[in-house]
N, C-alpha and C. Protein backbone atom coordinates (compact mmCIF):
# COMPACT_ATOMS: atom_id res chain seq x y z
N MET A 1 -33.83 13.64 16.18
CA MET A 1 -33.55 12.49 15.33
C MET A 1 -32.79 12.95 14.09
N THR A 2 -31.71 12.26 13.77
CA THR A 2 -30.93 12.61 12.59
C THR A 2 -31.45 11.83 11.39
N THR A 3 -31.27 12.41 10.23
CA THR A 3 -31.74 11.75 9.02
C THR A 3 -30.67 10.80 8.51
N ASP A 4 -31.13 9.75 7.87
CA ASP A 4 -30.23 8.74 7.34
C ASP A 4 -29.95 9.07 5.87
N THR A 5 -28.76 9.61 5.61
CA THR A 5 -28.38 9.94 4.24
C THR A 5 -27.98 8.68 3.50
N PRO A 6 -27.96 8.72 2.17
CA PRO A 6 -27.52 7.53 1.43
C PRO A 6 -26.09 7.10 1.79
N LYS A 7 -25.21 8.07 2.02
CA LYS A 7 -23.84 7.72 2.39
C LYS A 7 -23.79 7.04 3.76
N ALA A 8 -24.59 7.53 4.71
CA ALA A 8 -24.63 6.92 6.04
C ALA A 8 -25.21 5.51 5.94
N ALA A 9 -26.25 5.34 5.13
CA ALA A 9 -26.85 4.01 4.95
C ALA A 9 -25.86 3.04 4.32
N ALA A 10 -25.08 3.51 3.35
CA ALA A 10 -24.08 2.65 2.70
C ALA A 10 -22.98 2.27 3.70
N PHE A 11 -22.54 3.23 4.51
CA PHE A 11 -21.53 2.93 5.52
C PHE A 11 -22.07 1.90 6.50
N ARG A 12 -23.30 2.11 6.98
CA ARG A 12 -23.90 1.20 7.95
C ARG A 12 -24.01 -0.21 7.36
N GLN A 13 -24.42 -0.30 6.10
CA GLN A 13 -24.54 -1.61 5.46
C GLN A 13 -23.18 -2.31 5.41
N GLN A 14 -22.12 -1.55 5.14
CA GLN A 14 -20.77 -2.13 5.09
C GLN A 14 -20.35 -2.68 6.45
N VAL A 15 -20.48 -1.86 7.50
CA VAL A 15 -19.95 -2.28 8.81
C VAL A 15 -20.84 -3.28 9.52
N LEU A 16 -22.12 -3.36 9.14
CA LEU A 16 -22.98 -4.37 9.75
C LEU A 16 -22.79 -5.75 9.12
N ASN A 17 -22.03 -5.81 8.03
CA ASN A 17 -21.66 -7.09 7.44
C ASN A 17 -20.50 -7.64 8.28
N PRO A 18 -20.71 -8.74 9.01
CA PRO A 18 -19.67 -9.23 9.92
C PRO A 18 -18.30 -9.46 9.26
N MET A 19 -18.29 -10.00 8.06
CA MET A 19 -17.01 -10.26 7.41
C MET A 19 -16.30 -8.96 7.05
N LYS A 20 -17.04 -7.99 6.50
CA LYS A 20 -16.43 -6.72 6.14
C LYS A 20 -15.94 -5.96 7.36
N LEU A 21 -16.71 -6.03 8.46
CA LEU A 21 -16.27 -5.38 9.69
C LEU A 21 -15.00 -6.04 10.23
N ARG A 22 -14.94 -7.36 10.20
CA ARG A 22 -13.74 -8.05 10.68
C ARG A 22 -12.52 -7.67 9.84
N LEU A 23 -12.69 -7.59 8.53
CA LEU A 23 -11.58 -7.18 7.67
C LEU A 23 -11.14 -5.76 7.98
N PHE A 24 -12.12 -4.86 8.19
CA PHE A 24 -11.80 -3.48 8.56
C PHE A 24 -11.03 -3.45 9.88
N MET A 25 -11.50 -4.21 10.86
CA MET A 25 -10.81 -4.21 12.16
C MET A 25 -9.42 -4.84 12.06
N MET A 26 -9.27 -5.90 11.29
CA MET A 26 -7.95 -6.51 11.14
C MET A 26 -6.97 -5.50 10.57
N GLN A 27 -7.44 -4.69 9.62
CA GLN A 27 -6.56 -3.73 8.97
C GLN A 27 -6.35 -2.46 9.82
N ASN A 28 -7.40 -1.95 10.45
CA ASN A 28 -7.33 -0.65 11.10
C ASN A 28 -7.40 -0.67 12.62
N LEU A 29 -7.98 -1.70 13.19
CA LEU A 29 -8.13 -1.82 14.65
C LEU A 29 -7.78 -3.24 15.09
N PRO A 30 -6.52 -3.65 14.89
CA PRO A 30 -6.18 -5.06 15.14
C PRO A 30 -6.42 -5.51 16.58
N MET A 31 -6.25 -4.65 17.56
CA MET A 31 -6.50 -5.06 18.94
C MET A 31 -7.99 -5.30 19.18
N ALA A 32 -8.85 -4.51 18.57
CA ALA A 32 -10.30 -4.73 18.68
C ALA A 32 -10.68 -6.05 18.04
N TRP A 33 -10.04 -6.37 16.92
CA TRP A 33 -10.29 -7.65 16.26
C TRP A 33 -9.84 -8.80 17.15
N LEU A 34 -8.64 -8.70 17.72
CA LEU A 34 -8.15 -9.75 18.62
C LEU A 34 -9.04 -9.93 19.84
N ALA A 35 -9.55 -8.83 20.37
CA ALA A 35 -10.41 -8.89 21.55
C ALA A 35 -11.79 -9.43 21.21
N GLY A 36 -12.13 -9.49 19.93
CA GLY A 36 -13.42 -10.05 19.52
C GLY A 36 -14.59 -9.10 19.64
N LEU A 37 -14.33 -7.81 19.49
CA LEU A 37 -15.44 -6.85 19.56
C LEU A 37 -16.41 -7.12 18.41
N ARG A 38 -17.70 -6.96 18.70
CA ARG A 38 -18.74 -7.17 17.69
C ARG A 38 -19.68 -5.98 17.68
N LEU A 39 -20.02 -5.52 16.49
CA LEU A 39 -21.00 -4.45 16.32
C LEU A 39 -22.37 -5.12 16.19
N ARG A 40 -23.24 -4.90 17.16
CA ARG A 40 -24.56 -5.54 17.18
C ARG A 40 -25.64 -4.68 16.55
N GLU A 41 -25.54 -3.35 16.75
CA GLU A 41 -26.54 -2.44 16.19
C GLU A 41 -25.85 -1.15 15.80
N LEU A 42 -26.36 -0.52 14.73
CA LEU A 42 -25.89 0.80 14.34
C LEU A 42 -27.01 1.51 13.60
N THR A 43 -27.43 2.64 14.16
CA THR A 43 -28.39 3.52 13.50
C THR A 43 -27.79 4.92 13.57
N THR A 44 -28.47 5.89 13.01
CA THR A 44 -27.99 7.27 13.11
C THR A 44 -28.11 7.78 14.54
N GLU A 45 -28.90 7.10 15.37
CA GLU A 45 -29.10 7.54 16.75
C GLU A 45 -28.23 6.80 17.77
N HIS A 46 -27.98 5.51 17.57
CA HIS A 46 -27.25 4.75 18.58
C HIS A 46 -26.47 3.59 17.97
N ALA A 47 -25.59 3.05 18.81
CA ALA A 47 -24.83 1.87 18.42
C ALA A 47 -24.65 0.98 19.63
N VAL A 48 -24.52 -0.33 19.38
CA VAL A 48 -24.25 -1.31 20.44
C VAL A 48 -23.07 -2.16 20.00
N VAL A 49 -22.06 -2.24 20.87
CA VAL A 49 -20.86 -3.03 20.63
C VAL A 49 -20.69 -3.98 21.81
N THR A 50 -20.35 -5.24 21.53
CA THR A 50 -20.16 -6.21 22.61
C THR A 50 -18.72 -6.68 22.70
N VAL A 51 -18.37 -7.08 23.91
CA VAL A 51 -17.08 -7.71 24.19
C VAL A 51 -17.36 -8.84 25.17
N ARG A 52 -16.71 -9.97 24.96
CA ARG A 52 -16.94 -11.16 25.78
C ARG A 52 -15.71 -11.45 26.65
N PHE A 53 -15.97 -11.93 27.86
CA PHE A 53 -14.90 -12.42 28.73
C PHE A 53 -14.35 -13.70 28.11
N LYS A 54 -13.06 -13.68 27.81
CA LYS A 54 -12.38 -14.86 27.26
C LYS A 54 -10.89 -14.72 27.57
N HIS A 55 -10.12 -15.67 27.12
CA HIS A 55 -8.69 -15.68 27.45
C HIS A 55 -7.98 -14.37 27.07
N LEU A 56 -8.24 -13.85 25.89
CA LEU A 56 -7.54 -12.64 25.44
C LEU A 56 -8.05 -11.35 26.07
N THR A 57 -9.21 -11.39 26.74
CA THR A 57 -9.75 -10.17 27.34
C THR A 57 -9.69 -10.18 28.87
N LYS A 58 -9.17 -11.26 29.45
CA LYS A 58 -9.21 -11.39 30.91
C LYS A 58 -8.08 -10.63 31.59
N ASN A 59 -8.31 -10.37 32.86
CA ASN A 59 -7.28 -9.81 33.73
C ASN A 59 -7.02 -10.81 34.86
N PRO A 60 -6.05 -10.56 35.75
CA PRO A 60 -5.77 -11.53 36.82
C PRO A 60 -6.91 -11.69 37.84
N PHE A 61 -7.91 -10.82 37.78
CA PHE A 61 -9.01 -10.85 38.75
C PHE A 61 -10.24 -11.57 38.22
N LYS A 62 -10.06 -12.32 37.12
CA LYS A 62 -11.12 -13.12 36.51
C LYS A 62 -12.30 -12.27 36.05
N SER A 63 -11.98 -11.15 35.43
CA SER A 63 -12.97 -10.30 34.79
C SER A 63 -12.34 -9.71 33.54
N ILE A 64 -13.12 -8.91 32.79
CA ILE A 64 -12.61 -8.33 31.55
C ILE A 64 -11.68 -7.17 31.89
N TYR A 65 -10.52 -7.17 31.28
CA TYR A 65 -9.52 -6.12 31.45
C TYR A 65 -10.12 -4.78 31.05
N PHE A 66 -9.86 -3.74 31.84
CA PHE A 66 -10.48 -2.43 31.61
C PHE A 66 -10.18 -1.89 30.21
N ALA A 67 -9.03 -2.18 29.65
CA ALA A 67 -8.69 -1.65 28.33
C ALA A 67 -9.59 -2.27 27.26
N CYS A 68 -9.99 -3.52 27.43
CA CYS A 68 -10.92 -4.14 26.49
C CYS A 68 -12.30 -3.51 26.61
N LEU A 69 -12.71 -3.19 27.83
CA LEU A 69 -13.97 -2.49 28.03
C LEU A 69 -13.91 -1.11 27.37
N ALA A 70 -12.77 -0.43 27.52
CA ALA A 70 -12.60 0.90 26.93
C ALA A 70 -12.67 0.83 25.40
N MET A 71 -12.09 -0.22 24.81
CA MET A 71 -12.16 -0.37 23.35
C MET A 71 -13.60 -0.50 22.89
N ALA A 72 -14.38 -1.31 23.58
CA ALA A 72 -15.78 -1.51 23.19
C ALA A 72 -16.58 -0.22 23.38
N ALA A 73 -16.34 0.47 24.47
CA ALA A 73 -17.05 1.73 24.73
C ALA A 73 -16.70 2.78 23.68
N GLU A 74 -15.42 2.87 23.35
CA GLU A 74 -14.98 3.85 22.36
C GLU A 74 -15.55 3.51 20.98
N LEU A 75 -15.59 2.24 20.63
CA LEU A 75 -16.12 1.85 19.33
C LEU A 75 -17.61 2.15 19.22
N ALA A 76 -18.35 2.02 20.32
CA ALA A 76 -19.79 2.30 20.28
C ALA A 76 -20.06 3.75 19.90
N SER A 77 -19.23 4.67 20.37
CA SER A 77 -19.41 6.06 19.95
C SER A 77 -18.66 6.35 18.65
N GLY A 78 -17.49 5.76 18.49
CA GLY A 78 -16.65 6.03 17.33
C GLY A 78 -17.24 5.55 16.02
N ILE A 79 -17.95 4.43 16.04
CA ILE A 79 -18.54 3.94 14.79
C ILE A 79 -19.65 4.88 14.32
N GLN A 80 -20.36 5.47 15.29
CA GLN A 80 -21.38 6.47 14.92
C GLN A 80 -20.70 7.71 14.34
N ALA A 81 -19.61 8.13 14.99
CA ALA A 81 -18.87 9.30 14.49
C ALA A 81 -18.37 9.04 13.08
N MET A 82 -17.82 7.87 12.83
CA MET A 82 -17.33 7.54 11.49
C MET A 82 -18.46 7.59 10.47
N MET A 83 -19.62 7.07 10.84
CA MET A 83 -20.76 7.07 9.93
C MET A 83 -21.17 8.50 9.59
N HIS A 84 -21.24 9.37 10.60
CA HIS A 84 -21.64 10.76 10.35
C HIS A 84 -20.55 11.53 9.59
N VAL A 85 -19.29 11.22 9.83
CA VAL A 85 -18.21 11.85 9.06
C VAL A 85 -18.31 11.44 7.60
N GLN A 86 -18.54 10.14 7.36
CA GLN A 86 -18.65 9.63 5.98
C GLN A 86 -19.83 10.23 5.22
N ALA A 87 -20.86 10.68 5.96
CA ALA A 87 -22.09 11.14 5.34
C ALA A 87 -22.00 12.55 4.77
N GLY A 88 -20.91 13.27 5.02
CA GLY A 88 -20.82 14.64 4.54
C GLY A 88 -19.43 14.98 4.03
N SER A 89 -19.14 16.27 4.01
CA SER A 89 -17.83 16.72 3.55
C SER A 89 -16.75 16.21 4.50
N PRO A 90 -15.50 16.10 4.02
CA PRO A 90 -14.43 15.53 4.84
C PRO A 90 -14.24 16.26 6.16
N ALA A 91 -14.08 15.45 7.22
CA ALA A 91 -13.84 16.00 8.56
C ALA A 91 -12.93 15.04 9.30
N SER A 92 -12.19 15.59 10.24
CA SER A 92 -11.34 14.75 11.08
C SER A 92 -12.04 14.51 12.41
N MET A 93 -11.71 13.41 13.05
CA MET A 93 -12.26 13.06 14.35
C MET A 93 -11.14 12.49 15.21
N LEU A 94 -11.18 12.82 16.50
CA LEU A 94 -10.12 12.40 17.40
C LEU A 94 -10.65 12.34 18.81
N VAL A 95 -10.27 11.30 19.54
CA VAL A 95 -10.59 11.23 20.97
C VAL A 95 -9.64 12.17 21.69
N VAL A 96 -10.19 13.10 22.47
CA VAL A 96 -9.36 14.06 23.21
C VAL A 96 -9.51 13.91 24.73
N GLY A 97 -10.39 13.02 25.16
CA GLY A 97 -10.55 12.80 26.59
C GLY A 97 -11.40 11.57 26.85
N MET A 98 -11.21 11.00 28.06
CA MET A 98 -12.00 9.84 28.44
C MET A 98 -12.09 9.78 29.96
N GLU A 99 -13.28 9.45 30.44
CA GLU A 99 -13.52 9.27 31.86
C GLU A 99 -14.31 7.98 32.01
N ALA A 100 -14.03 7.21 33.04
CA ALA A 100 -14.73 5.93 33.21
C ALA A 100 -15.10 5.70 34.66
N GLU A 101 -16.22 5.03 34.84
CA GLU A 101 -16.67 4.56 36.15
C GLU A 101 -16.96 3.07 36.03
N PHE A 102 -16.44 2.30 36.97
CA PHE A 102 -16.66 0.86 36.98
C PHE A 102 -17.50 0.53 38.20
N THR A 103 -18.65 -0.12 37.97
CA THR A 103 -19.59 -0.35 39.07
C THR A 103 -19.77 -1.81 39.44
N LYS A 104 -19.34 -2.73 38.58
CA LYS A 104 -19.51 -4.15 38.84
C LYS A 104 -18.46 -4.91 38.04
N LYS A 105 -18.07 -6.07 38.56
CA LYS A 105 -17.12 -6.93 37.87
C LYS A 105 -17.70 -7.33 36.51
N ALA A 106 -16.91 -7.15 35.46
CA ALA A 106 -17.35 -7.43 34.09
C ALA A 106 -16.97 -8.85 33.69
N VAL A 107 -17.96 -9.73 33.64
CA VAL A 107 -17.77 -11.11 33.19
C VAL A 107 -18.89 -11.45 32.21
N GLY A 108 -18.67 -12.46 31.40
CA GLY A 108 -19.68 -12.84 30.42
C GLY A 108 -19.64 -11.90 29.22
N LEU A 109 -20.80 -11.64 28.64
CA LEU A 109 -20.92 -10.77 27.48
C LEU A 109 -21.34 -9.38 27.96
N ILE A 110 -20.56 -8.37 27.61
CA ILE A 110 -20.85 -6.99 28.00
C ILE A 110 -21.23 -6.23 26.74
N ALA A 111 -22.37 -5.54 26.79
CA ALA A 111 -22.86 -4.76 25.65
C ALA A 111 -22.78 -3.27 25.98
N PHE A 112 -22.03 -2.53 25.18
CA PHE A 112 -21.91 -1.08 25.34
C PHE A 112 -22.84 -0.41 24.35
N SER A 113 -23.69 0.45 24.88
CA SER A 113 -24.65 1.19 24.08
C SER A 113 -24.34 2.68 24.18
N CYS A 114 -24.36 3.36 23.04
CA CYS A 114 -24.14 4.80 23.01
C CYS A 114 -25.28 5.44 22.21
N PRO A 115 -26.10 6.29 22.87
CA PRO A 115 -27.25 6.90 22.20
C PRO A 115 -26.98 8.31 21.68
N ASP A 116 -25.73 8.66 21.43
CA ASP A 116 -25.37 10.04 21.15
C ASP A 116 -25.19 10.38 19.68
N GLY A 117 -25.71 9.56 18.77
CA GLY A 117 -25.60 9.86 17.34
C GLY A 117 -26.11 11.24 16.96
N PRO A 118 -27.28 11.68 17.47
CA PRO A 118 -27.75 13.03 17.11
C PRO A 118 -26.81 14.15 17.57
N ARG A 119 -26.22 13.99 18.74
CA ARG A 119 -25.29 15.02 19.23
C ARG A 119 -24.01 15.04 18.39
N ILE A 120 -23.56 13.86 17.97
CA ILE A 120 -22.38 13.77 17.11
C ILE A 120 -22.68 14.43 15.76
N ALA A 121 -23.84 14.12 15.20
CA ALA A 121 -24.23 14.70 13.91
C ALA A 121 -24.34 16.22 14.01
N GLN A 122 -24.88 16.72 15.12
CA GLN A 122 -25.01 18.17 15.31
C GLN A 122 -23.64 18.84 15.38
N ALA A 123 -22.70 18.24 16.10
CA ALA A 123 -21.35 18.81 16.21
C ALA A 123 -20.68 18.85 14.84
N LEU A 124 -20.84 17.79 14.07
CA LEU A 124 -20.26 17.77 12.73
C LEU A 124 -20.92 18.82 11.83
N ALA A 125 -22.23 18.96 11.92
CA ALA A 125 -22.93 19.96 11.11
C ALA A 125 -22.44 21.36 11.47
N GLU A 126 -22.25 21.62 12.76
CA GLU A 126 -21.75 22.94 13.19
C GLU A 126 -20.33 23.17 12.70
N SER A 127 -19.49 22.16 12.77
CA SER A 127 -18.12 22.30 12.29
C SER A 127 -18.09 22.53 10.79
N ARG A 128 -18.94 21.82 10.07
CA ARG A 128 -18.98 22.00 8.62
C ARG A 128 -19.52 23.39 8.26
N ALA A 129 -20.44 23.92 9.04
CA ALA A 129 -21.02 25.23 8.77
C ALA A 129 -20.07 26.37 9.11
N THR A 130 -19.29 26.20 10.19
CA THR A 130 -18.44 27.29 10.67
C THR A 130 -16.97 27.13 10.31
N GLY A 131 -16.55 25.89 10.02
CA GLY A 131 -15.13 25.63 9.77
C GLY A 131 -14.33 25.50 11.05
N GLU A 132 -15.00 25.60 12.20
CA GLU A 132 -14.34 25.51 13.49
C GLU A 132 -14.54 24.12 14.09
N GLY A 133 -13.64 23.76 14.98
CA GLY A 133 -13.75 22.47 15.65
C GLY A 133 -14.88 22.45 16.67
N ARG A 134 -15.41 21.28 16.92
CA ARG A 134 -16.45 21.08 17.92
C ARG A 134 -16.12 19.82 18.70
N THR A 135 -16.55 19.79 19.96
CA THR A 135 -16.36 18.60 20.77
C THR A 135 -17.71 18.09 21.25
N VAL A 136 -17.76 16.78 21.48
CA VAL A 136 -18.94 16.12 22.01
C VAL A 136 -18.47 15.11 23.05
N VAL A 137 -19.14 15.07 24.19
CA VAL A 137 -18.90 14.01 25.17
C VAL A 137 -19.96 12.95 24.93
N ALA A 138 -19.52 11.80 24.45
CA ALA A 138 -20.43 10.68 24.16
C ALA A 138 -20.35 9.70 25.32
N THR A 139 -21.50 9.22 25.76
CA THR A 139 -21.57 8.29 26.88
C THR A 139 -21.87 6.89 26.38
N SER A 140 -21.02 5.94 26.73
CA SER A 140 -21.22 4.54 26.40
C SER A 140 -21.42 3.78 27.72
N THR A 141 -22.55 3.12 27.84
CA THR A 141 -22.88 2.39 29.05
C THR A 141 -22.79 0.90 28.78
N GLY A 142 -22.02 0.20 29.60
CA GLY A 142 -21.85 -1.24 29.45
C GLY A 142 -22.70 -2.00 30.44
N VAL A 143 -23.48 -2.94 29.93
CA VAL A 143 -24.31 -3.78 30.79
C VAL A 143 -23.97 -5.24 30.56
N ASP A 144 -24.13 -6.03 31.63
CA ASP A 144 -23.87 -7.47 31.51
C ASP A 144 -25.13 -8.19 31.05
N GLU A 145 -25.05 -9.51 31.01
CA GLU A 145 -26.17 -10.30 30.49
C GLU A 145 -27.42 -10.24 31.37
N THR A 146 -27.26 -9.83 32.62
CA THR A 146 -28.42 -9.70 33.51
C THR A 146 -29.00 -8.29 33.47
N GLY A 147 -28.37 -7.39 32.70
CA GLY A 147 -28.86 -6.03 32.59
C GLY A 147 -28.26 -5.07 33.59
N ASP A 148 -27.31 -5.54 34.40
CA ASP A 148 -26.65 -4.68 35.38
C ASP A 148 -25.57 -3.84 34.71
N VAL A 149 -25.49 -2.57 35.07
CA VAL A 149 -24.45 -1.69 34.55
C VAL A 149 -23.12 -2.08 35.17
N VAL A 150 -22.11 -2.32 34.32
CA VAL A 150 -20.78 -2.65 34.81
C VAL A 150 -19.81 -1.49 34.65
N ALA A 151 -20.05 -0.63 33.67
CA ALA A 151 -19.15 0.51 33.45
C ALA A 151 -19.85 1.57 32.61
N VAL A 152 -19.45 2.81 32.87
CA VAL A 152 -19.92 3.95 32.07
C VAL A 152 -18.69 4.72 31.64
N PHE A 153 -18.55 4.91 30.33
CA PHE A 153 -17.43 5.67 29.77
C PHE A 153 -17.98 6.95 29.15
N ARG A 154 -17.30 8.06 29.42
CA ARG A 154 -17.60 9.32 28.77
C ARG A 154 -16.39 9.67 27.91
N ILE A 155 -16.58 9.62 26.61
CA ILE A 155 -15.48 9.81 25.67
C ILE A 155 -15.69 11.15 24.96
N THR A 156 -14.68 12.00 25.03
CA THR A 156 -14.77 13.32 24.39
C THR A 156 -14.16 13.23 23.01
N TRP A 157 -15.01 13.50 22.02
CA TRP A 157 -14.60 13.50 20.62
C TRP A 157 -14.44 14.93 20.14
N SER A 158 -13.42 15.16 19.32
CA SER A 158 -13.23 16.44 18.67
C SER A 158 -13.44 16.23 17.17
N PHE A 159 -14.22 17.15 16.57
CA PHE A 159 -14.49 17.09 15.14
C PHE A 159 -14.10 18.42 14.51
N ARG A 160 -13.48 18.35 13.33
CA ARG A 160 -13.11 19.56 12.60
C ARG A 160 -13.21 19.26 11.12
N THR A 161 -13.90 20.15 10.41
CA THR A 161 -13.99 20.02 8.96
C THR A 161 -12.61 20.22 8.35
N LYS A 162 -12.27 19.36 7.41
CA LYS A 162 -10.98 19.49 6.73
C LYS A 162 -11.05 20.64 5.74
N GLN A 163 -10.02 21.45 5.76
CA GLN A 163 -9.96 22.61 4.86
C GLN A 163 -9.53 22.15 3.48
N LYS A 164 -10.12 22.75 2.46
CA LYS A 164 -9.76 22.42 1.08
C LYS A 164 -8.39 22.98 0.77
N ALA A 165 -7.59 22.18 0.08
CA ALA A 165 -6.22 22.60 -0.24
C ALA A 165 -6.16 23.50 -1.44
């Protein structure tokens, strides 16, 4: 279990405010804003992001377009990474790989959950201690409203402490 620092708590309070999160997404993640991604939960351990089947997220097969699912999956791990980066000395973060499995047609409301906050925090702590880059494979699992898994994304994040100039 990772500890909740004051900086992490302040970041979480900011992004859990729906209006502030929408403004952040409009400015920095406009496609996520257009797709209607919503942050439902964020702790130091996990995050839940939802995406709904609607006109802007549909594909010709009457399900959610895979890229919209990927955005939600990436945000579920990425928002945790941002929180842990904000909680300490400056560090960079970057997606360096992604793998996905699709197991069921995605319709309705899909919730992506990522429980890898402690692993992300550990990688950042190691990078800050050594000055070397670290990678983490974060798993985001998407379930539909009936609880069935529709997709599993494994997103590889790279973290590196920024060197002082």
